[in-house]
Amino acid sequence: MIQRKQTLFLLLAVCAMAMCFMFPIASFTAKAPLGVPVSGELNLIAKENPSLMNDILNGEAVTMGQKDYIKVWPLTVLTLLSALVALVSMFLFKNRVTQMRIVAVAFLLGVIDIFLIFIWAVDAYIDKVTVPMACTDINVHYGLGTWCPIVAVVLLFLAQRAIKKDEEKVRAADRLR
């Protein structure tokens, strides 16, 4: 039935993945050679560069966009795919074995998403932005968009366990008949 606790876990996991699109994955601050502060953030949906040249020429704080520096489409696709797979699995409550398999696929996609965030995206973004400008004192701050996939993976794991327990109850009841 759809009003089971695993459905709540799956719905919360979908909401956590959706929150990744609303909040930045990471932000950084650095100093350019002339002492100009440089800041930027990495989002799943790329934002445009503000007036970069005017900021540098005026000696004001530089805010870097990510449009020209990194393409985050693999992260965006993985996050969206993981959320869609979890959403589809909510409605497969009549076939628990298939539901368990689909939740396992969503779990795997979530783990790959987390791996790409921590290993590839943040480092590549900071390298592409700060190395050409010869920035120093780089401080990275992981945003809520980084931690939401971790929460979603934990919720998918809990949903998997709840589905498995339901399946075991049904099989035990069938043995008694």
N, C-alpha and C. Protein backbone atom coordinates (compact mmCIF):
# COMPACT_ATOMS: atom_id res chain seq x y z
N MET A 1 0.84 -1.18 0.00
CA MET A 1 0.00 0.00 0.00
C MET A 1 0.88 1.24 0.00
N ILE A 2 0.31 2.30 -0.49
CA ILE A 2 1.10 3.51 -0.66
C ILE A 2 1.31 4.26 0.66
N GLN A 3 0.52 3.98 1.69
CA GLN A 3 0.68 4.71 2.95
C GLN A 3 1.60 3.98 3.93
N ARG A 4 2.63 3.38 3.44
CA ARG A 4 3.60 2.67 4.27
C ARG A 4 4.76 3.61 4.61
N LYS A 5 5.58 3.19 5.58
CA LYS A 5 6.69 4.06 5.99
C LYS A 5 7.75 4.17 4.90
N GLN A 6 7.91 3.13 4.06
CA GLN A 6 8.90 3.24 2.99
C GLN A 6 8.49 4.31 1.98
N THR A 7 7.20 4.53 1.81
CA THR A 7 6.74 5.58 0.92
C THR A 7 7.13 6.95 1.47
N LEU A 8 7.03 7.10 2.78
CA LEU A 8 7.46 8.35 3.41
C LEU A 8 8.96 8.56 3.21
N PHE A 9 9.75 7.49 3.39
CA PHE A 9 11.19 7.59 3.17
C PHE A 9 11.50 7.97 1.72
N LEU A 10 10.80 7.36 0.78
CA LEU A 10 11.04 7.65 -0.64
C LEU A 10 10.63 9.08 -0.97
N LEU A 11 9.51 9.54 -0.42
CA LEU A 11 9.06 10.91 -0.67
C LEU A 11 10.05 11.92 -0.10
N LEU A 12 10.56 11.65 1.09
CA LEU A 12 11.56 12.55 1.67
C LEU A 12 12.86 12.53 0.88
N ALA A 13 13.22 11.38 0.33
CA ALA A 13 14.43 11.29 -0.50
C ALA A 13 14.25 12.11 -1.78
N VAL A 14 13.07 12.06 -2.38
CA VAL A 14 12.80 12.87 -3.58
C VAL A 14 12.87 14.35 -3.24
N CYS A 15 12.32 14.73 -2.09
CA CYS A 15 12.37 16.13 -1.66
C CYS A 15 13.82 16.58 -1.40
N ALA A 16 14.62 15.69 -0.82
CA ALA A 16 16.03 16.03 -0.56
C ALA A 16 16.78 16.23 -1.88
N MET A 17 16.50 15.38 -2.86
CA MET A 17 17.15 15.55 -4.17
C MET A 17 16.67 16.83 -4.85
N ALA A 18 15.41 17.18 -4.67
CA ALA A 18 14.90 18.42 -5.26
C ALA A 18 15.54 19.64 -4.61
N MET A 19 15.87 19.55 -3.32
CA MET A 19 16.52 20.66 -2.63
C MET A 19 17.92 20.92 -3.17
N CYS A 20 18.52 19.93 -3.80
CA CYS A 20 19.85 20.12 -4.39
C CYS A 20 19.83 21.18 -5.49
N PHE A 21 18.70 21.33 -6.14
CA PHE A 21 18.59 22.31 -7.21
C PHE A 21 18.38 23.73 -6.68
N MET A 22 17.96 23.84 -5.44
CA MET A 22 17.66 25.15 -4.87
C MET A 22 18.84 25.78 -4.14
N PHE A 23 19.72 24.96 -3.62
CA PHE A 23 20.83 25.46 -2.80
C PHE A 23 22.16 25.19 -3.48
N PRO A 24 23.16 26.03 -3.22
CA PRO A 24 24.47 25.82 -3.84
C PRO A 24 25.16 24.57 -3.30
N ILE A 25 25.93 23.93 -4.15
CA ILE A 25 26.70 22.77 -3.74
C ILE A 25 27.88 23.22 -2.89
N ALA A 26 28.59 24.21 -3.36
CA ALA A 26 29.73 24.72 -2.62
C ALA A 26 29.94 26.19 -2.99
N SER A 27 30.55 26.90 -2.08
CA SER A 27 30.96 28.27 -2.37
C SER A 27 32.40 28.42 -1.90
N PHE A 28 33.08 29.37 -2.47
CA PHE A 28 34.47 29.57 -2.09
C PHE A 28 34.77 31.06 -2.02
N THR A 29 35.78 31.36 -1.27
CA THR A 29 36.33 32.71 -1.23
C THR A 29 37.84 32.58 -1.40
N ALA A 30 38.42 33.56 -2.08
CA ALA A 30 39.87 33.56 -2.32
C ALA A 30 40.32 35.00 -2.49
N LYS A 31 41.62 35.16 -2.59
CA LYS A 31 42.19 36.49 -2.83
C LYS A 31 42.98 36.46 -4.12
N ALA A 32 42.71 37.43 -4.99
CA ALA A 32 43.46 37.59 -6.24
C ALA A 32 44.80 38.26 -5.91
N PRO A 33 45.75 38.24 -6.84
CA PRO A 33 47.07 38.81 -6.55
C PRO A 33 47.06 40.27 -6.09
N LEU A 34 46.14 41.07 -6.54
CA LEU A 34 46.11 42.48 -6.15
C LEU A 34 45.33 42.69 -4.86
N GLY A 35 45.00 41.62 -4.18
CA GLY A 35 44.24 41.73 -2.94
C GLY A 35 42.74 41.83 -3.14
N VAL A 36 42.28 41.67 -4.37
CA VAL A 36 40.86 41.74 -4.67
C VAL A 36 40.21 40.44 -4.21
N PRO A 37 39.19 40.51 -3.37
CA PRO A 37 38.52 39.27 -2.96
C PRO A 37 37.73 38.67 -4.11
N VAL A 38 37.83 37.36 -4.24
CA VAL A 38 37.13 36.62 -5.28
C VAL A 38 36.23 35.61 -4.58
N SER A 39 34.99 35.53 -5.01
CA SER A 39 34.08 34.53 -4.45
C SER A 39 33.27 33.92 -5.57
N GLY A 40 32.74 32.75 -5.32
CA GLY A 40 31.93 32.07 -6.30
C GLY A 40 31.19 30.92 -5.67
N GLU A 41 30.23 30.39 -6.40
CA GLU A 41 29.50 29.23 -5.90
C GLU A 41 29.16 28.29 -7.04
N LEU A 42 29.07 27.03 -6.71
CA LEU A 42 28.76 25.97 -7.66
C LEU A 42 27.33 25.54 -7.42
N ASN A 43 26.52 25.61 -8.46
CA ASN A 43 25.12 25.21 -8.40
C ASN A 43 24.85 24.13 -9.43
N LEU A 44 23.78 23.36 -9.23
CA LEU A 44 23.41 22.36 -10.24
C LEU A 44 22.87 23.02 -11.50
N ILE A 45 22.26 24.16 -11.32
CA ILE A 45 21.79 24.94 -12.47
C ILE A 45 22.73 26.13 -12.58
N ALA A 46 23.51 26.17 -13.65
CA ALA A 46 24.56 27.17 -13.79
C ALA A 46 23.99 28.58 -13.82
N LYS A 47 24.72 29.49 -13.20
CA LYS A 47 24.33 30.90 -13.20
C LYS A 47 25.30 31.67 -14.07
N GLU A 48 24.82 32.76 -14.59
CA GLU A 48 25.65 33.58 -15.48
C GLU A 48 26.69 34.38 -14.71
N ASN A 49 27.73 34.75 -15.43
CA ASN A 49 28.77 35.61 -14.86
C ASN A 49 28.23 37.03 -14.73
N PRO A 50 28.42 37.67 -13.58
CA PRO A 50 28.07 39.08 -13.51
C PRO A 50 29.12 39.92 -14.23
N SER A 51 29.14 41.17 -14.00
CA SER A 51 30.09 42.06 -14.69
C SER A 51 31.50 41.81 -14.16
N LEU A 52 32.14 40.77 -14.66
CA LEU A 52 33.44 40.35 -14.17
C LEU A 52 34.53 41.39 -14.44
N MET A 53 34.61 41.88 -15.66
CA MET A 53 35.69 42.81 -16.00
C MET A 53 35.54 44.14 -15.25
N ASN A 54 34.32 44.62 -15.11
CA ASN A 54 34.11 45.88 -14.38
C ASN A 54 34.55 45.73 -12.92
N ASP A 55 34.25 44.59 -12.32
CA ASP A 55 34.64 44.37 -10.92
C ASP A 55 36.16 44.36 -10.78
N ILE A 56 36.84 43.69 -11.70
CA ILE A 56 38.30 43.60 -11.61
C ILE A 56 38.93 44.98 -11.82
N LEU A 57 38.44 45.73 -12.82
CA LEU A 57 39.01 47.05 -13.11
C LEU A 57 38.74 48.05 -11.98
N ASN A 58 37.60 47.93 -11.33
CA ASN A 58 37.26 48.85 -10.24
C ASN A 58 37.85 48.42 -8.90
N GLY A 59 38.47 47.25 -8.84
CA GLY A 59 39.06 46.78 -7.61
C GLY A 59 38.03 46.32 -6.60
N GLU A 60 36.81 46.04 -7.05
CA GLU A 60 35.76 45.58 -6.16
C GLU A 60 35.84 44.07 -6.02
N ALA A 61 35.07 43.54 -5.08
CA ALA A 61 35.02 42.09 -4.89
C ALA A 61 34.49 41.44 -6.16
N VAL A 62 35.13 40.38 -6.58
CA VAL A 62 34.76 39.68 -7.80
C VAL A 62 33.89 38.48 -7.44
N THR A 63 32.72 38.40 -8.07
CA THR A 63 31.85 37.25 -7.87
C THR A 63 31.85 36.45 -9.16
N MET A 64 32.30 35.21 -9.08
CA MET A 64 32.43 34.38 -10.27
C MET A 64 31.17 33.56 -10.47
N GLY A 65 30.67 33.55 -11.67
CA GLY A 65 29.60 32.64 -12.03
C GLY A 65 30.24 31.35 -12.51
N GLN A 66 29.43 30.37 -12.85
CA GLN A 66 30.02 29.10 -13.27
C GLN A 66 29.74 28.76 -14.72
N LYS A 67 29.04 29.60 -15.44
CA LYS A 67 28.63 29.25 -16.79
C LYS A 67 29.82 28.96 -17.71
N ASP A 68 30.82 29.80 -17.67
CA ASP A 68 31.94 29.63 -18.57
C ASP A 68 33.02 28.71 -18.03
N TYR A 69 32.90 28.26 -16.82
CA TYR A 69 34.01 27.55 -16.19
C TYR A 69 33.82 26.05 -16.09
N ILE A 70 32.61 25.61 -15.87
CA ILE A 70 32.42 24.17 -15.73
C ILE A 70 31.00 23.81 -16.13
N LYS A 71 30.89 22.71 -16.74
CA LYS A 71 29.58 22.19 -17.11
C LYS A 71 29.18 21.15 -16.07
N VAL A 72 28.13 21.40 -15.36
CA VAL A 72 27.72 20.50 -14.29
C VAL A 72 26.60 19.57 -14.72
N TRP A 73 26.42 19.38 -16.00
CA TRP A 73 25.30 18.56 -16.45
C TRP A 73 25.37 17.12 -15.95
N PRO A 74 26.55 16.48 -15.75
CA PRO A 74 26.51 15.13 -15.20
C PRO A 74 25.89 15.08 -13.80
N LEU A 75 26.21 16.06 -12.98
CA LEU A 75 25.61 16.11 -11.65
C LEU A 75 24.11 16.38 -11.72
N THR A 76 23.73 17.28 -12.59
CA THR A 76 22.32 17.61 -12.74
C THR A 76 21.52 16.40 -13.21
N VAL A 77 22.05 15.70 -14.20
CA VAL A 77 21.36 14.53 -14.73
C VAL A 77 21.28 13.42 -13.68
N LEU A 78 22.37 13.17 -12.98
CA LEU A 78 22.35 12.13 -11.94
C LEU A 78 21.39 12.44 -10.81
N THR A 79 21.37 13.68 -10.38
CA THR A 79 20.46 14.07 -9.30
C THR A 79 19.01 13.95 -9.75
N LEU A 80 18.72 14.42 -10.94
CA LEU A 80 17.37 14.34 -11.48
C LEU A 80 16.95 12.89 -11.70
N LEU A 81 17.84 12.09 -12.24
CA LEU A 81 17.55 10.68 -12.49
C LEU A 81 17.32 9.92 -11.19
N SER A 82 18.13 10.18 -10.20
CA SER A 82 17.96 9.54 -8.90
C SER A 82 16.61 9.90 -8.27
N ALA A 83 16.24 11.16 -8.37
CA ALA A 83 14.95 11.59 -7.83
C ALA A 83 13.78 10.96 -8.59
N LEU A 84 13.90 10.88 -9.91
CA LEU A 84 12.82 10.28 -10.70
C LEU A 84 12.68 8.78 -10.44
N VAL A 85 13.80 8.10 -10.29
CA VAL A 85 13.76 6.66 -10.02
C VAL A 85 13.12 6.41 -8.65
N ALA A 86 13.46 7.23 -7.67
CA ALA A 86 12.86 7.09 -6.33
C ALA A 86 11.37 7.40 -6.39
N LEU A 87 10.99 8.38 -7.18
CA LEU A 87 9.58 8.73 -7.32
C LEU A 87 8.80 7.61 -7.99
N VAL A 88 9.36 7.02 -9.02
CA VAL A 88 8.69 5.90 -9.70
C VAL A 88 8.55 4.70 -8.77
N SER A 89 9.58 4.46 -7.96
CA SER A 89 9.53 3.29 -7.08
C SER A 89 8.44 3.42 -6.02
N MET A 90 8.02 4.63 -5.71
CA MET A 90 6.93 4.79 -4.73
C MET A 90 5.65 4.13 -5.20
N PHE A 91 5.43 4.12 -6.49
CA PHE A 91 4.18 3.61 -7.03
C PHE A 91 4.26 2.14 -7.43
N LEU A 92 5.34 1.48 -7.11
CA LEU A 92 5.49 0.05 -7.38
C LEU A 92 5.26 -0.78 -6.11
N PHE A 93 4.40 -0.31 -5.24
CA PHE A 93 4.20 -0.96 -3.95
C PHE A 93 3.55 -2.33 -4.07
N LYS A 94 2.90 -2.64 -5.19
CA LYS A 94 2.26 -3.95 -5.35
C LYS A 94 3.28 -5.04 -5.65
N ASN A 95 4.42 -4.67 -6.21
CA ASN A 95 5.47 -5.63 -6.52
C ASN A 95 6.72 -5.23 -5.74
N ARG A 96 6.83 -5.76 -4.53
CA ARG A 96 7.90 -5.34 -3.62
C ARG A 96 9.29 -5.74 -4.11
N VAL A 97 9.41 -6.84 -4.79
CA VAL A 97 10.73 -7.26 -5.28
C VAL A 97 11.24 -6.27 -6.33
N THR A 98 10.38 -5.88 -7.24
CA THR A 98 10.76 -4.87 -8.24
C THR A 98 11.03 -3.53 -7.58
N GLN A 99 10.23 -3.20 -6.59
CA GLN A 99 10.43 -1.95 -5.87
C GLN A 99 11.79 -1.93 -5.18
N MET A 100 12.19 -3.05 -4.58
CA MET A 100 13.50 -3.12 -3.93
C MET A 100 14.63 -2.92 -4.94
N ARG A 101 14.48 -3.51 -6.11
CA ARG A 101 15.52 -3.37 -7.14
C ARG A 101 15.62 -1.93 -7.63
N ILE A 102 14.49 -1.29 -7.81
CA ILE A 102 14.50 0.08 -8.32
C ILE A 102 15.04 1.04 -7.26
N VAL A 103 14.72 0.79 -5.99
CA VAL A 103 15.28 1.61 -4.91
C VAL A 103 16.80 1.40 -4.85
N ALA A 104 17.26 0.18 -5.10
CA ALA A 104 18.70 -0.07 -5.12
C ALA A 104 19.37 0.71 -6.25
N VAL A 105 18.71 0.82 -7.39
CA VAL A 105 19.26 1.62 -8.50
C VAL A 105 19.32 3.09 -8.11
N ALA A 106 18.27 3.59 -7.47
CA ALA A 106 18.27 4.99 -7.01
C ALA A 106 19.38 5.21 -5.99
N PHE A 107 19.59 4.24 -5.11
CA PHE A 107 20.66 4.32 -4.11
C PHE A 107 22.01 4.40 -4.80
N LEU A 108 22.23 3.55 -5.79
CA LEU A 108 23.50 3.55 -6.53
C LEU A 108 23.72 4.89 -7.24
N LEU A 109 22.67 5.42 -7.87
CA LEU A 109 22.79 6.71 -8.54
C LEU A 109 23.10 7.82 -7.53
N GLY A 110 22.50 7.75 -6.35
CA GLY A 110 22.79 8.73 -5.31
C GLY A 110 24.22 8.66 -4.83
N VAL A 111 24.75 7.46 -4.68
CA VAL A 111 26.15 7.30 -4.24
C VAL A 111 27.10 7.84 -5.31
N ILE A 112 26.81 7.58 -6.57
CA ILE A 112 27.64 8.12 -7.66
C ILE A 112 27.57 9.64 -7.67
N ASP A 113 26.38 10.18 -7.42
CA ASP A 113 26.20 11.63 -7.35
C ASP A 113 27.05 12.24 -6.23
N ILE A 114 27.04 11.63 -5.07
CA ILE A 114 27.86 12.11 -3.95
C ILE A 114 29.35 12.03 -4.30
N PHE A 115 29.74 10.93 -4.91
CA PHE A 115 31.13 10.76 -5.31
C PHE A 115 31.56 11.87 -6.28
N LEU A 116 30.72 12.15 -7.27
CA LEU A 116 31.06 13.19 -8.23
C LEU A 116 31.10 14.57 -7.60
N ILE A 117 30.23 14.83 -6.64
CA ILE A 117 30.25 16.14 -5.98
C ILE A 117 31.55 16.35 -5.25
N PHE A 118 31.94 15.38 -4.43
CA PHE A 118 33.12 15.56 -3.58
C PHE A 118 34.44 15.40 -4.33
N ILE A 119 34.49 14.50 -5.30
CA ILE A 119 35.76 14.20 -5.96
C ILE A 119 35.99 15.06 -7.20
N TRP A 120 34.93 15.30 -7.97
CA TRP A 120 35.13 15.92 -9.27
C TRP A 120 34.68 17.38 -9.32
N ALA A 121 33.46 17.65 -8.98
CA ALA A 121 32.86 18.95 -9.29
C ALA A 121 33.48 20.09 -8.50
N VAL A 122 33.58 19.97 -7.22
CA VAL A 122 34.07 21.09 -6.41
C VAL A 122 35.53 21.39 -6.75
N ASP A 123 36.36 20.36 -6.85
CA ASP A 123 37.77 20.58 -7.17
C ASP A 123 37.95 21.16 -8.58
N ALA A 124 37.20 20.63 -9.54
CA ALA A 124 37.32 21.12 -10.90
C ALA A 124 36.85 22.57 -11.02
N TYR A 125 35.79 22.90 -10.32
CA TYR A 125 35.28 24.27 -10.36
C TYR A 125 36.29 25.25 -9.76
N ILE A 126 36.82 24.91 -8.61
CA ILE A 126 37.77 25.82 -7.95
C ILE A 126 39.05 25.94 -8.78
N ASP A 127 39.52 24.82 -9.35
CA ASP A 127 40.73 24.88 -10.18
C ASP A 127 40.52 25.75 -11.41
N LYS A 128 39.37 25.63 -12.07
CA LYS A 128 39.13 26.39 -13.29
C LYS A 128 38.93 27.87 -13.02
N VAL A 129 38.48 28.21 -11.81
CA VAL A 129 38.25 29.61 -11.49
C VAL A 129 39.48 30.26 -10.89
N THR A 130 40.12 29.60 -9.94
CA THR A 130 41.18 30.26 -9.17
C THR A 130 42.56 30.14 -9.80
N VAL A 131 42.86 29.08 -10.51
CA VAL A 131 44.20 28.91 -11.08
C VAL A 131 44.50 29.97 -12.13
N PRO A 132 43.61 30.27 -13.10
CA PRO A 132 43.95 31.32 -14.07
C PRO A 132 44.13 32.70 -13.45
N MET A 133 43.46 32.95 -12.34
CA MET A 133 43.58 34.25 -11.69
C MET A 133 44.69 34.26 -10.64
N ALA A 134 45.38 33.14 -10.44
CA ALA A 134 46.46 33.00 -9.46
C ALA A 134 46.00 33.39 -8.06
N CYS A 135 44.85 32.86 -7.67
CA CYS A 135 44.29 33.19 -6.37
C CYS A 135 45.00 32.43 -5.25
N THR A 136 44.98 33.03 -4.08
CA THR A 136 45.56 32.40 -2.88
C THR A 136 44.51 32.39 -1.78
N ASP A 137 44.82 31.72 -0.69
CA ASP A 137 43.93 31.65 0.47
C ASP A 137 42.52 31.22 0.08
N ILE A 138 42.42 30.07 -0.55
CA ILE A 138 41.13 29.57 -1.03
C ILE A 138 40.44 28.84 0.12
N ASN A 139 39.23 29.26 0.43
CA ASN A 139 38.41 28.62 1.46
C ASN A 139 37.14 28.08 0.81
N VAL A 140 36.90 26.78 0.96
CA VAL A 140 35.72 26.14 0.39
C VAL A 140 34.71 25.91 1.51
N HIS A 141 33.46 26.25 1.21
CA HIS A 141 32.36 26.03 2.15
C HIS A 141 31.32 25.18 1.44
N TYR A 142 31.13 23.97 1.93
CA TYR A 142 30.13 23.10 1.31
C TYR A 142 28.75 23.57 1.72
N GLY A 143 27.87 23.68 0.74
CA GLY A 143 26.53 24.18 0.98
C GLY A 143 25.54 23.07 1.25
N LEU A 144 24.31 23.47 1.42
CA LEU A 144 23.24 22.51 1.68
C LEU A 144 23.03 21.56 0.51
N GLY A 145 23.34 22.03 -0.69
CA GLY A 145 23.23 21.18 -1.88
C GLY A 145 24.18 20.01 -1.88
N THR A 146 25.21 20.06 -1.06
CA THR A 146 26.14 18.94 -0.93
C THR A 146 25.59 17.88 0.02
N TRP A 147 24.94 18.32 1.07
CA TRP A 147 24.50 17.39 2.11
C TRP A 147 23.14 16.76 1.79
N CYS A 148 22.35 17.37 0.93
CA CYS A 148 21.04 16.81 0.59
C CYS A 148 21.14 15.42 -0.09
N PRO A 149 22.07 15.18 -1.02
CA PRO A 149 22.18 13.84 -1.59
C PRO A 149 22.57 12.79 -0.54
N ILE A 150 23.35 13.18 0.45
CA ILE A 150 23.72 12.24 1.51
C ILE A 150 22.49 11.85 2.31
N VAL A 151 21.66 12.84 2.63
CA VAL A 151 20.41 12.57 3.35
C VAL A 151 19.51 11.68 2.49
N ALA A 152 19.44 11.95 1.19
CA ALA A 152 18.60 11.16 0.30
C ALA A 152 19.08 9.71 0.23
N VAL A 153 20.39 9.49 0.21
CA VAL A 153 20.92 8.13 0.16
C VAL A 153 20.57 7.37 1.45
N VAL A 154 20.67 8.05 2.58
CA VAL A 154 20.30 7.41 3.85
C VAL A 154 18.81 7.06 3.85
N LEU A 155 17.98 7.96 3.35
CA LEU A 155 16.54 7.69 3.28
C LEU A 155 16.23 6.55 2.32
N LEU A 156 16.96 6.47 1.22
CA LEU A 156 16.77 5.35 0.29
C LEU A 156 17.17 4.03 0.93
N PHE A 157 18.23 4.05 1.73
CA PHE A 157 18.64 2.85 2.44
C PHE A 157 17.56 2.42 3.43
N LEU A 158 16.99 3.38 4.16
CA LEU A 158 15.92 3.05 5.11
C LEU A 158 14.68 2.52 4.39
N ALA A 159 14.37 3.09 3.23
CA ALA A 159 13.23 2.60 2.44
C ALA A 159 13.48 1.17 1.97
N GLN A 160 14.70 0.89 1.55
CA GLN A 160 15.06 -0.47 1.11
C GLN A 160 14.85 -1.47 2.24
N ARG A 161 15.29 -1.11 3.44
CA ARG A 161 15.12 -2.01 4.59
C ARG A 161 13.65 -2.21 4.93
N ALA A 162 12.85 -1.16 4.85
CA ALA A 162 11.42 -1.28 5.16
C ALA A 162 10.70 -2.14 4.13
N ILE A 163 11.06 -2.00 2.88
CA ILE A 163 10.45 -2.83 1.82
C ILE A 163 10.83 -4.28 2.04
N LYS A 164 12.08 -4.54 2.39
CA LYS A 164 12.54 -5.91 2.63
C LYS A 164 11.79 -6.53 3.81
N LYS A 165 11.58 -5.76 4.87
CA LYS A 165 10.83 -6.28 6.02
C LYS A 165 9.39 -6.61 5.64
N ASP A 166 8.76 -5.77 4.84
CA ASP A 166 7.40 -6.06 4.37
C ASP A 166 7.37 -7.35 3.56
N GLU A 167 8.35 -7.51 2.69
CA GLU A 167 8.40 -8.72 1.87
C GLU A 167 8.59 -9.96 2.74
N GLU A 168 9.42 -9.85 3.76
CA GLU A 168 9.62 -10.99 4.67
C GLU A 168 8.34 -11.31 5.43
N LYS A 169 7.58 -10.31 5.84
CA LYS A 169 6.30 -10.54 6.52
C LYS A 169 5.32 -11.26 5.62
N VAL A 170 5.25 -10.84 4.36
CA VAL A 170 4.33 -11.46 3.41
C VAL A 170 4.73 -12.92 3.17
N ARG A 171 6.01 -13.17 3.02
CA ARG A 171 6.46 -14.55 2.79
C ARG A 171 6.21 -15.43 4.02
N ALA A 172 6.38 -14.86 5.20
CA ALA A 172 6.09 -15.62 6.43
C ALA A 172 4.61 -15.94 6.54
N ALA A 173 3.78 -14.99 6.17
CA ALA A 173 2.33 -15.23 6.19
C ALA A 173 1.93 -16.28 5.17
N ASP A 174 2.59 -16.29 4.01
CA ASP A 174 2.29 -17.29 2.99
C ASP A 174 2.70 -18.69 3.44
N ARG A 175 3.75 -18.80 4.22
CA ARG A 175 4.18 -20.11 4.72
C ARG A 175 3.18 -20.67 5.71
N LEU A 176 2.56 -19.80 6.48
CA LEU A 176 1.58 -20.25 7.47
C LEU A 176 0.31 -20.77 6.84
N ARG A 177 0.00 -20.36 5.65
CA ARG A 177 -1.24 -20.81 4.98
C ARG A 177 -1.14 -22.20 4.56
